[in-house]
Amino acid sequence: MELHRLTTEAERDCFARQLRHVRAMRGAGFRETSRSLTGEVHVRFGNLYGLVDEDRPAFNLLGGFAMHDLAMFGQSFPRPDLSHLPPHKVFECGELWASAAGAARILRQAGLILAGIFDAAALLLYPIFKPWNLSTAYGKGFERIGDPVEWPYTHTLSGSKMWVQPMVSQDQALHNLVKEAQAHGFEMLDAGRRLRFNTPYSLYSRTVSDRILRQ
């Protein structure tokens, strides 16, 4: 598999379109509120990454995520307080989406590989907790920081409120996660624009067409 850093306007637009499409899928969809600019900030100014199957003949994103360190811009929520760490060593990951079943686990592995390459001191996540609990995918090596908090920038397609669970991995727990993710082998190509890596996880032929990410 390969993870590509998306830098051109066309690539970023592709990421944004597919992110909106996956979020709005029937059955368990959601979208940003009309006033929110948070997602636009992440997509416009954060580092965007797209998962690509290098064996396929054409560029085709199977999923992606955004990542930024806190020296680029601040974290999405006040909690947790990581001000004791250098801002450029704390990375927030979010906006994760997948258009192929099984891709979410591979994206999480790729994010951990990058954390090791960037020598991250902490990884910060805000997975959805309610109305769908996606935080269980990050149980190993991530600590829940307090109770879930309301996500004021989004709502379900029916207009209901949403909550996220602040989570962080640091110290030995993060070291262990990175070591496990990198153990299968990887290499950086094109001056860091492409990450080629082996994964123990599999993609499935069907697309994620009727549900939010639940891998």
N, C-alpha and C. Protein backbone atom coordinates (compact mmCIF):
# COMPACT_ATOMS: atom_id res chain seq x y z
N MET A 1 0.84 -1.20 0.00
CA MET A 1 0.00 0.00 0.00
C MET A 1 0.88 1.24 0.00
N GLU A 2 0.29 2.34 -0.46
CA GLU A 2 0.98 3.62 -0.41
C GLU A 2 0.06 4.69 0.18
N LEU A 3 0.66 5.56 0.98
CA LEU A 3 -0.01 6.73 1.49
C LEU A 3 0.63 7.94 0.83
N HIS A 4 -0.17 8.76 0.16
CA HIS A 4 0.33 9.92 -0.54
C HIS A 4 -0.03 11.19 0.21
N ARG A 5 0.94 12.08 0.35
CA ARG A 5 0.64 13.41 0.88
C ARG A 5 0.05 14.24 -0.24
N LEU A 6 -1.14 14.78 -0.01
CA LEU A 6 -1.89 15.47 -1.05
C LEU A 6 -1.57 16.96 -0.97
N THR A 7 -0.97 17.49 -2.01
CA THR A 7 -0.48 18.86 -1.96
C THR A 7 -1.11 19.78 -3.00
N THR A 8 -1.57 19.24 -4.12
CA THR A 8 -2.12 20.11 -5.16
C THR A 8 -3.58 20.46 -4.83
N GLU A 9 -4.05 21.52 -5.44
CA GLU A 9 -5.44 21.93 -5.23
C GLU A 9 -6.41 20.85 -5.68
N ALA A 10 -6.10 20.19 -6.80
CA ALA A 10 -6.97 19.14 -7.30
C ALA A 10 -7.03 17.96 -6.33
N GLU A 11 -5.89 17.60 -5.75
CA GLU A 11 -5.86 16.50 -4.79
C GLU A 11 -6.64 16.84 -3.52
N ARG A 12 -6.47 18.07 -3.04
CA ARG A 12 -7.19 18.48 -1.84
C ARG A 12 -8.69 18.56 -2.10
N ASP A 13 -9.08 19.02 -3.27
CA ASP A 13 -10.50 19.05 -3.62
C ASP A 13 -11.08 17.65 -3.68
N CYS A 14 -10.32 16.71 -4.22
CA CYS A 14 -10.76 15.32 -4.28
C CYS A 14 -10.97 14.77 -2.88
N PHE A 15 -10.02 15.03 -1.99
CA PHE A 15 -10.14 14.61 -0.59
C PHE A 15 -11.41 15.17 0.03
N ALA A 16 -11.63 16.48 -0.13
CA ALA A 16 -12.79 17.13 0.48
C ALA A 16 -14.10 16.57 -0.04
N ARG A 17 -14.17 16.34 -1.35
CA ARG A 17 -15.40 15.80 -1.93
C ARG A 17 -15.71 14.41 -1.39
N GLN A 18 -14.70 13.56 -1.34
CA GLN A 18 -14.92 12.20 -0.86
C GLN A 18 -15.22 12.18 0.64
N LEU A 19 -14.60 13.07 1.39
CA LEU A 19 -14.90 13.18 2.81
C LEU A 19 -16.37 13.54 3.02
N ARG A 20 -16.86 14.53 2.29
CA ARG A 20 -18.27 14.94 2.41
C ARG A 20 -19.19 13.79 2.01
N HIS A 21 -18.82 13.08 0.95
CA HIS A 21 -19.66 11.99 0.47
C HIS A 21 -19.78 10.88 1.51
N VAL A 22 -18.66 10.47 2.08
CA VAL A 22 -18.68 9.39 3.07
C VAL A 22 -19.48 9.82 4.30
N ARG A 23 -19.28 11.05 4.74
CA ARG A 23 -19.99 11.53 5.93
C ARG A 23 -21.50 11.60 5.71
N ALA A 24 -21.92 11.85 4.50
CA ALA A 24 -23.34 12.06 4.24
C ALA A 24 -24.07 10.79 3.82
N MET A 25 -23.38 9.65 3.87
CA MET A 25 -24.01 8.41 3.41
C MET A 25 -25.25 8.10 4.21
N ARG A 26 -26.23 7.51 3.55
CA ARG A 26 -27.51 7.23 4.18
C ARG A 26 -27.33 6.23 5.33
N GLY A 27 -28.22 6.30 6.28
CA GLY A 27 -28.22 5.36 7.39
C GLY A 27 -27.54 5.90 8.63
N ALA A 28 -26.42 6.55 8.49
CA ALA A 28 -25.70 7.07 9.66
C ALA A 28 -24.86 8.27 9.28
N GLY A 29 -25.45 9.20 8.55
CA GLY A 29 -24.68 10.30 8.02
C GLY A 29 -24.65 11.52 8.92
N PHE A 30 -23.68 12.39 8.64
CA PHE A 30 -23.59 13.66 9.35
C PHE A 30 -22.87 14.65 8.46
N ARG A 31 -22.94 15.90 8.83
CA ARG A 31 -22.27 16.96 8.08
C ARG A 31 -21.96 18.11 9.01
N GLU A 32 -21.11 19.02 8.54
CA GLU A 32 -20.79 20.19 9.34
C GLU A 32 -21.98 21.14 9.36
N THR A 33 -22.04 21.94 10.43
CA THR A 33 -23.08 22.95 10.51
C THR A 33 -22.80 24.05 9.48
N SER A 34 -23.81 24.85 9.22
CA SER A 34 -23.67 25.88 8.19
C SER A 34 -22.66 26.95 8.57
N ARG A 35 -22.39 27.13 9.87
CA ARG A 35 -21.46 28.17 10.32
C ARG A 35 -20.04 27.66 10.55
N SER A 36 -19.86 26.36 10.57
CA SER A 36 -18.55 25.81 10.93
C SER A 36 -17.53 26.00 9.82
N LEU A 37 -16.32 26.36 10.23
CA LEU A 37 -15.19 26.45 9.33
C LEU A 37 -14.07 25.51 9.75
N THR A 38 -14.32 24.70 10.78
CA THR A 38 -13.27 23.84 11.32
C THR A 38 -12.77 22.85 10.28
N GLY A 39 -13.69 22.15 9.63
CA GLY A 39 -13.28 21.18 8.62
C GLY A 39 -12.51 21.83 7.48
N GLU A 40 -12.94 23.03 7.07
CA GLU A 40 -12.23 23.73 6.00
C GLU A 40 -10.81 24.09 6.42
N VAL A 41 -10.63 24.48 7.68
CA VAL A 41 -9.29 24.79 8.18
C VAL A 41 -8.40 23.56 8.11
N HIS A 42 -8.91 22.41 8.55
CA HIS A 42 -8.13 21.18 8.51
C HIS A 42 -7.76 20.79 7.08
N VAL A 43 -8.74 20.89 6.18
CA VAL A 43 -8.50 20.47 4.80
C VAL A 43 -7.61 21.46 4.06
N ARG A 44 -7.77 22.75 4.34
CA ARG A 44 -7.01 23.77 3.62
C ARG A 44 -5.59 23.92 4.14
N PHE A 45 -5.41 23.82 5.47
CA PHE A 45 -4.12 24.15 6.06
C PHE A 45 -3.41 22.95 6.69
N GLY A 46 -4.12 21.88 6.98
CA GLY A 46 -3.47 20.70 7.54
C GLY A 46 -2.76 19.88 6.48
N ASN A 47 -2.05 18.87 6.91
CA ASN A 47 -1.44 17.92 5.98
C ASN A 47 -2.46 16.83 5.67
N LEU A 48 -2.78 16.65 4.40
CA LEU A 48 -3.76 15.66 3.98
C LEU A 48 -3.04 14.45 3.39
N TYR A 49 -3.55 13.27 3.71
CA TYR A 49 -2.96 12.03 3.22
C TYR A 49 -4.05 11.15 2.62
N GLY A 50 -3.74 10.52 1.50
CA GLY A 50 -4.68 9.63 0.83
C GLY A 50 -4.08 8.25 0.65
N LEU A 51 -4.89 7.23 0.90
CA LEU A 51 -4.45 5.85 0.75
C LEU A 51 -4.67 5.40 -0.68
N VAL A 52 -3.61 4.82 -1.26
CA VAL A 52 -3.64 4.40 -2.66
C VAL A 52 -3.15 2.97 -2.75
N ASP A 53 -3.82 2.17 -3.56
CA ASP A 53 -3.33 0.83 -3.87
C ASP A 53 -2.43 0.95 -5.08
N GLU A 54 -1.13 0.77 -4.87
CA GLU A 54 -0.17 1.00 -5.97
C GLU A 54 -0.31 0.00 -7.09
N ASP A 55 -1.03 -1.10 -6.87
CA ASP A 55 -1.23 -2.09 -7.92
C ASP A 55 -2.33 -1.69 -8.89
N ARG A 56 -3.11 -0.68 -8.54
CA ARG A 56 -4.17 -0.23 -9.43
C ARG A 56 -3.59 0.73 -10.46
N PRO A 57 -4.09 0.70 -11.70
CA PRO A 57 -3.46 1.48 -12.78
C PRO A 57 -3.65 2.98 -12.67
N ALA A 58 -4.72 3.43 -12.01
CA ALA A 58 -4.99 4.87 -11.96
C ALA A 58 -5.05 5.34 -10.51
N PHE A 59 -4.77 6.63 -10.32
CA PHE A 59 -4.84 7.21 -8.99
C PHE A 59 -6.26 7.11 -8.47
N ASN A 60 -6.42 6.48 -7.34
CA ASN A 60 -7.75 6.26 -6.78
C ASN A 60 -7.65 6.24 -5.26
N LEU A 61 -8.21 7.23 -4.61
CA LEU A 61 -8.13 7.29 -3.16
C LEU A 61 -9.08 6.27 -2.54
N LEU A 62 -8.54 5.44 -1.66
CA LEU A 62 -9.33 4.46 -0.94
C LEU A 62 -9.76 4.99 0.42
N GLY A 63 -9.18 6.10 0.83
CA GLY A 63 -9.49 6.73 2.11
C GLY A 63 -8.44 7.78 2.40
N GLY A 64 -8.60 8.46 3.52
CA GLY A 64 -7.62 9.48 3.86
C GLY A 64 -7.84 10.02 5.25
N PHE A 65 -6.93 10.89 5.66
CA PHE A 65 -7.05 11.58 6.94
C PHE A 65 -6.23 12.86 6.90
N ALA A 66 -6.53 13.75 7.84
CA ALA A 66 -5.78 15.00 8.00
C ALA A 66 -4.92 14.90 9.26
N MET A 67 -3.80 15.60 9.25
CA MET A 67 -2.88 15.55 10.37
C MET A 67 -2.17 16.89 10.48
N HIS A 68 -2.09 17.42 11.68
CA HIS A 68 -1.32 18.66 11.86
C HIS A 68 -0.71 18.66 13.25
N ASP A 69 0.44 19.32 13.36
CA ASP A 69 1.02 19.49 14.69
C ASP A 69 0.52 20.81 15.27
N LEU A 70 0.61 20.94 16.57
CA LEU A 70 0.03 22.10 17.24
C LEU A 70 0.85 23.36 17.08
N ALA A 71 1.99 23.27 16.39
CA ALA A 71 2.71 24.48 16.02
C ALA A 71 2.13 25.07 14.73
N MET A 72 1.38 24.25 13.96
CA MET A 72 0.74 24.74 12.74
C MET A 72 -0.53 25.52 13.09
N PHE A 73 -1.41 24.91 13.86
CA PHE A 73 -2.58 25.57 14.43
C PHE A 73 -3.08 24.70 15.58
N GLY A 74 -3.97 25.26 16.37
CA GLY A 74 -4.34 24.65 17.63
C GLY A 74 -5.18 23.39 17.51
N GLN A 75 -5.36 22.71 18.65
CA GLN A 75 -6.17 21.52 18.69
C GLN A 75 -7.65 21.89 18.63
N SER A 76 -8.47 20.93 18.22
CA SER A 76 -9.88 21.22 17.97
C SER A 76 -10.68 21.47 19.24
N PHE A 77 -10.25 20.91 20.37
CA PHE A 77 -10.94 21.06 21.65
C PHE A 77 -9.90 21.34 22.73
N PRO A 78 -10.29 22.03 23.82
CA PRO A 78 -9.31 22.37 24.87
C PRO A 78 -8.70 21.16 25.56
N ARG A 79 -9.45 20.08 25.68
CA ARG A 79 -8.97 18.89 26.37
C ARG A 79 -8.44 17.89 25.37
N PRO A 80 -7.33 17.22 25.65
CA PRO A 80 -6.52 17.29 26.87
C PRO A 80 -5.53 18.46 26.84
N ASP A 81 -5.00 18.80 28.01
CA ASP A 81 -3.99 19.84 28.11
C ASP A 81 -2.62 19.20 27.88
N LEU A 82 -2.03 19.50 26.73
CA LEU A 82 -0.72 18.95 26.38
C LEU A 82 0.32 20.06 26.27
N SER A 83 0.07 21.15 27.00
CA SER A 83 0.94 22.32 26.90
C SER A 83 2.33 22.06 27.48
N HIS A 84 2.51 20.96 28.20
CA HIS A 84 3.84 20.63 28.73
C HIS A 84 4.75 20.05 27.66
N LEU A 85 4.20 19.75 26.49
CA LEU A 85 4.98 19.18 25.39
C LEU A 85 5.23 20.23 24.32
N PRO A 86 6.34 20.12 23.59
CA PRO A 86 6.59 21.05 22.49
C PRO A 86 5.47 20.96 21.45
N PRO A 87 4.88 22.07 21.03
CA PRO A 87 3.75 22.01 20.10
C PRO A 87 4.05 21.26 18.80
N HIS A 88 5.30 21.36 18.31
CA HIS A 88 5.62 20.69 17.05
C HIS A 88 5.78 19.18 17.21
N LYS A 89 5.68 18.71 18.46
CA LYS A 89 5.77 17.27 18.72
C LYS A 89 4.41 16.63 19.02
N VAL A 90 3.36 17.46 19.04
CA VAL A 90 2.01 16.95 19.31
C VAL A 90 1.22 17.01 18.01
N PHE A 91 0.68 15.87 17.59
CA PHE A 91 -0.02 15.77 16.31
C PHE A 91 -1.47 15.38 16.53
N GLU A 92 -2.36 16.18 15.97
CA GLU A 92 -3.79 15.84 15.97
C GLU A 92 -4.13 15.19 14.63
N CYS A 93 -4.81 14.06 14.69
CA CYS A 93 -5.27 13.36 13.49
C CYS A 93 -6.79 13.36 13.47
N GLY A 94 -7.36 13.57 12.31
CA GLY A 94 -8.81 13.58 12.19
C GLY A 94 -9.24 13.55 10.75
N GLU A 95 -10.53 13.83 10.52
CA GLU A 95 -11.13 13.83 9.19
C GLU A 95 -10.91 12.49 8.49
N LEU A 96 -10.85 11.39 9.26
CA LEU A 96 -10.58 10.09 8.64
C LEU A 96 -11.83 9.58 7.93
N TRP A 97 -11.64 9.10 6.71
CA TRP A 97 -12.74 8.53 5.93
C TRP A 97 -12.19 7.38 5.09
N ALA A 98 -13.06 6.48 4.69
CA ALA A 98 -12.66 5.36 3.83
C ALA A 98 -13.78 5.03 2.86
N SER A 99 -13.42 4.81 1.61
CA SER A 99 -14.40 4.42 0.59
C SER A 99 -14.31 2.94 0.28
N ALA A 100 -13.38 2.23 0.91
CA ALA A 100 -13.24 0.78 0.72
C ALA A 100 -13.25 0.10 2.07
N ALA A 101 -13.99 -1.00 2.18
CA ALA A 101 -14.07 -1.72 3.44
C ALA A 101 -12.69 -2.24 3.83
N GLY A 102 -12.31 -2.04 5.08
CA GLY A 102 -11.01 -2.46 5.56
C GLY A 102 -9.95 -1.38 5.52
N ALA A 103 -10.24 -0.28 4.81
CA ALA A 103 -9.22 0.77 4.64
C ALA A 103 -8.96 1.55 5.92
N ALA A 104 -9.96 1.66 6.81
CA ALA A 104 -9.77 2.48 8.01
C ALA A 104 -8.64 1.94 8.88
N ARG A 105 -8.57 0.63 9.04
CA ARG A 105 -7.50 0.04 9.86
C ARG A 105 -6.14 0.30 9.23
N ILE A 106 -6.08 0.24 7.91
CA ILE A 106 -4.82 0.48 7.22
C ILE A 106 -4.41 1.95 7.36
N LEU A 107 -5.38 2.85 7.31
CA LEU A 107 -5.09 4.27 7.51
C LEU A 107 -4.57 4.54 8.91
N ARG A 108 -5.14 3.87 9.92
CA ARG A 108 -4.66 4.06 11.28
C ARG A 108 -3.22 3.57 11.42
N GLN A 109 -2.90 2.46 10.75
CA GLN A 109 -1.52 1.97 10.76
C GLN A 109 -0.59 2.99 10.12
N ALA A 110 -1.01 3.54 8.98
CA ALA A 110 -0.17 4.52 8.28
C ALA A 110 0.05 5.76 9.14
N GLY A 111 -0.99 6.20 9.86
CA GLY A 111 -0.83 7.35 10.74
C GLY A 111 0.19 7.11 11.83
N LEU A 112 0.22 5.89 12.36
CA LEU A 112 1.20 5.56 13.40
C LEU A 112 2.61 5.49 12.82
N ILE A 113 2.74 5.00 11.60
CA ILE A 113 4.05 5.00 10.95
C ILE A 113 4.56 6.44 10.81
N LEU A 114 3.67 7.34 10.39
CA LEU A 114 4.07 8.75 10.27
C LEU A 114 4.45 9.33 11.63
N ALA A 115 3.71 8.97 12.66
CA ALA A 115 4.03 9.47 14.00
C ALA A 115 5.46 9.12 14.39
N GLY A 116 5.89 7.91 14.04
CA GLY A 116 7.26 7.52 14.31
C GLY A 116 8.26 8.30 13.47
N ILE A 117 7.95 8.48 12.20
CA ILE A 117 8.84 9.23 11.32
C ILE A 117 8.99 10.68 11.80
N PHE A 118 7.89 11.26 12.28
CA PHE A 118 7.91 12.65 12.74
C PHE A 118 8.39 12.80 14.18
N ASP A 119 8.71 11.67 14.83
CA ASP A 119 9.16 11.68 16.21
C ASP A 119 8.14 12.37 17.12
N ALA A 120 6.89 11.98 16.98
CA ALA A 120 5.80 12.57 17.76
C ALA A 120 5.94 12.22 19.24
N ALA A 121 5.67 13.21 20.09
CA ALA A 121 5.63 12.97 21.53
C ALA A 121 4.23 12.56 21.98
N ALA A 122 3.21 12.93 21.21
CA ALA A 122 1.84 12.57 21.54
C ALA A 122 0.99 12.60 20.27
N LEU A 123 0.02 11.70 20.22
CA LEU A 123 -1.00 11.69 19.17
C LEU A 123 -2.33 12.01 19.82
N LEU A 124 -3.06 12.92 19.21
CA LEU A 124 -4.31 13.42 19.75
C LEU A 124 -5.44 13.09 18.78
N LEU A 125 -6.53 12.50 19.31
CA LEU A 125 -7.66 12.10 18.50
C LEU A 125 -8.96 12.54 19.15
N TYR A 126 -9.98 12.74 18.30
CA TYR A 126 -11.32 13.03 18.78
C TYR A 126 -12.33 12.17 18.02
N PRO A 127 -12.32 10.85 18.21
CA PRO A 127 -13.27 10.00 17.50
C PRO A 127 -14.71 10.25 17.96
N ILE A 128 -15.64 10.03 17.06
CA ILE A 128 -17.05 10.18 17.40
C ILE A 128 -17.42 9.18 18.50
N PHE A 129 -18.17 9.68 19.49
CA PHE A 129 -18.64 8.83 20.58
C PHE A 129 -20.16 8.62 20.54
N LYS A 130 -20.87 9.65 20.14
CA LYS A 130 -22.32 9.60 20.10
C LYS A 130 -22.81 10.45 18.95
N PRO A 131 -23.77 9.96 18.16
CA PRO A 131 -24.62 8.78 18.34
C PRO A 131 -24.03 7.44 17.91
N TRP A 132 -22.81 7.42 17.36
CA TRP A 132 -22.15 6.16 17.01
C TRP A 132 -20.81 6.14 17.71
N ASN A 133 -20.53 5.11 18.45
CA ASN A 133 -19.29 5.05 19.21
C ASN A 133 -18.18 4.44 18.35
N LEU A 134 -17.34 5.32 17.80
CA LEU A 134 -16.20 4.88 17.00
C LEU A 134 -14.91 4.90 17.79
N SER A 135 -14.99 5.26 19.07
CA SER A 135 -13.77 5.37 19.88
C SER A 135 -13.18 4.01 20.22
N THR A 136 -13.97 2.94 20.12
CA THR A 136 -13.46 1.61 20.48
C THR A 136 -12.34 1.15 19.56
N ALA A 137 -12.28 1.72 18.37
CA ALA A 137 -11.21 1.34 17.43
C ALA A 137 -9.84 1.80 17.92
N TYR A 138 -9.81 2.70 18.90
CA TYR A 138 -8.56 3.25 19.41
C TYR A 138 -8.31 2.86 20.87
N GLY A 139 -8.88 1.74 21.29
CA GLY A 139 -8.73 1.35 22.69
C GLY A 139 -7.31 1.00 23.08
N LYS A 140 -6.59 0.35 22.21
CA LYS A 140 -5.23 -0.08 22.52
C LYS A 140 -4.25 1.07 22.38
N GLY A 141 -3.61 1.42 23.48
CA GLY A 141 -2.55 2.42 23.44
C GLY A 141 -3.01 3.85 23.52
N PHE A 142 -4.33 4.09 23.56
CA PHE A 142 -4.87 5.45 23.68
C PHE A 142 -5.64 5.59 24.98
N GLU A 143 -5.45 6.70 25.66
CA GLU A 143 -6.12 6.98 26.92
C GLU A 143 -7.28 7.93 26.69
N ARG A 144 -8.43 7.60 27.27
CA ARG A 144 -9.58 8.50 27.22
C ARG A 144 -9.37 9.61 28.25
N ILE A 145 -9.50 10.85 27.81
CA ILE A 145 -9.27 11.99 28.69
C ILE A 145 -10.63 12.59 29.06
N GLY A 146 -11.13 12.19 30.22
CA GLY A 146 -12.41 12.73 30.69
C GLY A 146 -13.60 12.21 29.92
N ASP A 147 -14.73 12.85 30.14
CA ASP A 147 -15.98 12.46 29.48
C ASP A 147 -16.02 12.97 28.04
N PRO A 148 -16.89 12.38 27.22
CA PRO A 148 -17.09 12.91 25.86
C PRO A 148 -17.54 14.37 25.90
N VAL A 149 -17.21 15.10 24.85
CA VAL A 149 -17.60 16.52 24.75
C VAL A 149 -18.44 16.72 23.50
N GLU A 150 -19.34 17.68 23.57
CA GLU A 150 -20.19 17.96 22.41
C GLU A 150 -19.34 18.49 21.25
N TRP A 151 -19.64 18.02 20.06
CA TRP A 151 -18.96 18.45 18.83
C TRP A 151 -19.83 19.53 18.20
N PRO A 152 -19.56 20.78 18.46
CA PRO A 152 -20.49 21.83 18.03
C PRO A 152 -20.43 22.14 16.54
N TYR A 153 -19.46 21.58 15.84
CA TYR A 153 -19.26 21.93 14.43
C TYR A 153 -20.01 21.02 13.47
N THR A 154 -20.66 19.98 14.00
CA THR A 154 -21.36 19.03 13.14
C THR A 154 -22.72 18.67 13.74
N HIS A 155 -23.56 18.04 12.92
CA HIS A 155 -24.79 17.44 13.40
C HIS A 155 -25.16 16.31 12.45
N THR A 156 -26.00 15.40 12.92
CA THR A 156 -26.45 14.31 12.05
C THR A 156 -27.34 14.88 10.96
N LEU A 157 -27.63 14.06 9.96
CA LEU A 157 -28.48 14.52 8.87
C LEU A 157 -29.89 14.85 9.35
N SER A 158 -30.27 14.28 10.50
CA SER A 158 -31.58 14.59 11.07
C SER A 158 -31.53 15.79 12.01
N GLY A 159 -30.33 16.37 12.20
CA GLY A 159 -30.19 17.55 13.03
C GLY A 159 -29.81 17.30 14.47
N SER A 160 -29.52 16.06 14.85
CA SER A 160 -29.17 15.74 16.23
C SER A 160 -27.73 16.15 16.55
N LYS A 161 -27.48 16.41 17.83
CA LYS A 161 -26.15 16.78 18.28
C LYS A 161 -25.22 15.56 18.25
N MET A 162 -23.92 15.83 18.24
CA MET A 162 -22.92 14.78 18.23
C MET A 162 -21.88 15.06 19.32
N TRP A 163 -21.23 13.97 19.79
CA TRP A 163 -20.19 14.07 20.80
C TRP A 163 -18.95 13.33 20.33
N VAL A 164 -17.80 13.78 20.81
CA VAL A 164 -16.54 13.12 20.53
C VAL A 164 -15.85 12.78 21.84
N GLN A 165 -14.93 11.80 21.78
CA GLN A 165 -14.18 11.38 22.96
C GLN A 165 -12.73 11.81 22.82
N PRO A 166 -12.25 12.76 23.61
CA PRO A 166 -10.83 13.12 23.56
C PRO A 166 -9.97 11.92 23.98
N MET A 167 -8.95 11.64 23.18
CA MET A 167 -8.06 10.51 23.43
C MET A 167 -6.64 10.91 23.07
N VAL A 168 -5.67 10.34 23.79
CA VAL A 168 -4.28 10.67 23.52
C VAL A 168 -3.42 9.43 23.73
N SER A 169 -2.37 9.33 22.94
CA SER A 169 -1.35 8.29 23.13
C SER A 169 -0.01 8.99 23.24
N GLN A 170 0.76 8.60 24.24
CA GLN A 170 2.06 9.21 24.46
C GLN A 170 2.96 8.26 25.24
N ASP A 171 4.21 8.66 25.40
CA ASP A 171 5.19 7.90 26.19
C ASP A 171 5.31 6.46 25.66
N GLN A 172 5.41 5.49 26.54
CA GLN A 172 5.66 4.11 26.14
C GLN A 172 4.52 3.54 25.33
N ALA A 173 3.29 3.95 25.62
CA ALA A 173 2.14 3.45 24.86
C ALA A 173 2.26 3.83 23.39
N LEU A 174 2.63 5.07 23.11
CA LEU A 174 2.81 5.51 21.73
C LEU A 174 3.99 4.80 21.09
N HIS A 175 5.06 4.65 21.85
CA HIS A 175 6.24 3.93 21.32
C HIS A 175 5.85 2.52 20.88
N ASN A 176 5.06 1.84 21.68
CA ASN A 176 4.66 0.47 21.35
C ASN A 176 3.78 0.44 20.10
N LEU A 177 2.86 1.38 19.99
CA LEU A 177 1.99 1.43 18.81
C LEU A 177 2.79 1.68 17.54
N VAL A 178 3.73 2.62 17.61
CA VAL A 178 4.56 2.94 16.44
C VAL A 178 5.41 1.74 16.05
N LYS A 179 6.00 1.10 17.03
CA LYS A 179 6.85 -0.07 16.76
C LYS A 179 6.06 -1.16 16.07
N GLU A 180 4.84 -1.40 16.53
CA GLU A 180 3.99 -2.43 15.92
C GLU A 180 3.60 -2.05 14.50
N ALA A 181 3.26 -0.79 14.28
CA ALA A 181 2.85 -0.34 12.95
C ALA A 181 3.99 -0.40 11.95
N GLN A 182 5.21 -0.11 12.40
CA GLN A 182 6.37 -0.07 11.49
C GLN A 182 7.01 -1.43 11.29
N ALA A 183 6.60 -2.42 12.08
CA ALA A 183 7.29 -3.72 12.08
C ALA A 183 7.17 -4.46 10.76
N HIS A 184 6.17 -4.13 9.96
CA HIS A 184 5.93 -4.86 8.71
C HIS A 184 6.74 -4.30 7.54
N GLY A 185 7.44 -3.20 7.77
CA GLY A 185 8.30 -2.63 6.75
C GLY A 185 7.67 -1.44 6.06
N PHE A 186 8.50 -0.42 5.78
CA PHE A 186 8.03 0.78 5.08
C PHE A 186 9.22 1.51 4.48
N GLU A 187 8.94 2.38 3.55
CA GLU A 187 9.96 3.26 2.98
C GLU A 187 9.33 4.56 2.54
N MET A 188 10.08 5.65 2.66
CA MET A 188 9.63 6.95 2.20
C MET A 188 10.18 7.20 0.81
N LEU A 189 9.34 7.71 -0.07
CA LEU A 189 9.70 7.95 -1.46
C LEU A 189 9.36 9.39 -1.84
N ASP A 190 9.93 9.85 -2.94
CA ASP A 190 9.64 11.18 -3.48
C ASP A 190 9.80 12.27 -2.42
N ALA A 191 10.93 12.26 -1.75
CA ALA A 191 11.24 13.29 -0.75
C ALA A 191 10.16 13.38 0.32
N GLY A 192 9.62 12.25 0.72
CA GLY A 192 8.64 12.20 1.79
C GLY A 192 7.19 12.35 1.34
N ARG A 193 6.96 12.46 0.04
CA ARG A 193 5.59 12.63 -0.44
C ARG A 193 4.82 11.31 -0.46
N ARG A 194 5.52 10.19 -0.57
CA ARG A 194 4.87 8.88 -0.64
C ARG A 194 5.44 7.96 0.44
N LEU A 195 4.55 7.32 1.16
CA LEU A 195 4.92 6.31 2.14
C LEU A 195 4.45 4.96 1.61
N ARG A 196 5.38 4.10 1.30
CA ARG A 196 5.04 2.74 0.87
C ARG A 196 5.24 1.82 2.07
N PHE A 197 4.24 1.01 2.36
CA PHE A 197 4.34 0.18 3.56
C PHE A 197 3.58 -1.13 3.38
N ASN A 198 4.01 -2.11 4.13
CA ASN A 198 3.32 -3.40 4.18
C ASN A 198 2.32 -3.38 5.32
N THR A 199 1.24 -4.10 5.15
CA THR A 199 0.20 -4.11 6.17
C THR A 199 -0.33 -5.52 6.38
N PRO A 200 -0.67 -5.86 7.63
CA PRO A 200 -1.28 -7.16 7.90
C PRO A 200 -2.78 -7.17 7.63
N TYR A 201 -3.34 -6.00 7.29
CA TYR A 201 -4.78 -5.88 7.11
C TYR A 201 -5.15 -5.99 5.63
N SER A 202 -6.40 -6.35 5.38
CA SER A 202 -6.86 -6.59 4.01
C SER A 202 -7.96 -5.61 3.63
N LEU A 203 -7.98 -5.27 2.35
CA LEU A 203 -9.10 -4.55 1.77
C LEU A 203 -10.11 -5.56 1.25
N TYR A 204 -11.36 -5.14 1.20
CA TYR A 204 -12.42 -5.99 0.67
C TYR A 204 -12.95 -5.36 -0.60
N SER A 205 -13.52 -6.17 -1.45
CA SER A 205 -13.91 -5.70 -2.77
C SER A 205 -15.08 -4.73 -2.73
N ARG A 206 -15.98 -4.88 -1.77
CA ARG A 206 -17.14 -4.01 -1.74
C ARG A 206 -16.73 -2.64 -1.17
N THR A 207 -17.45 -1.61 -1.57
CA THR A 207 -17.20 -0.27 -1.07
C THR A 207 -18.09 -0.01 0.13
N VAL A 208 -17.71 0.99 0.89
CA VAL A 208 -18.52 1.38 2.03
C VAL A 208 -19.59 2.33 1.51
N SER A 209 -20.74 1.80 1.17
CA SER A 209 -21.76 2.61 0.52
C SER A 209 -22.96 2.90 1.38
N ASP A 210 -23.09 2.23 2.54
CA ASP A 210 -24.30 2.41 3.31
C ASP A 210 -24.06 2.55 4.80
N ARG A 211 -22.82 2.92 5.20
CA ARG A 211 -22.57 3.05 6.62
C ARG A 211 -21.38 3.96 6.87
N ILE A 212 -21.32 4.53 8.05
CA ILE A 212 -20.15 5.28 8.50
C ILE A 212 -19.06 4.29 8.83
N LEU A 213 -17.81 4.74 8.86
CA LEU A 213 -16.68 3.86 9.10
C LEU A 213 -16.85 3.08 10.40
N ARG A 214 -16.83 1.75 10.32
CA ARG A 214 -16.99 0.94 11.51
C ARG A 214 -15.94 -0.17 11.56
N GLN A 215 -14.85 -0.05 10.78
CA GLN A 215 -13.82 -1.09 10.82
C GLN A 215 -13.14 -1.08 12.17
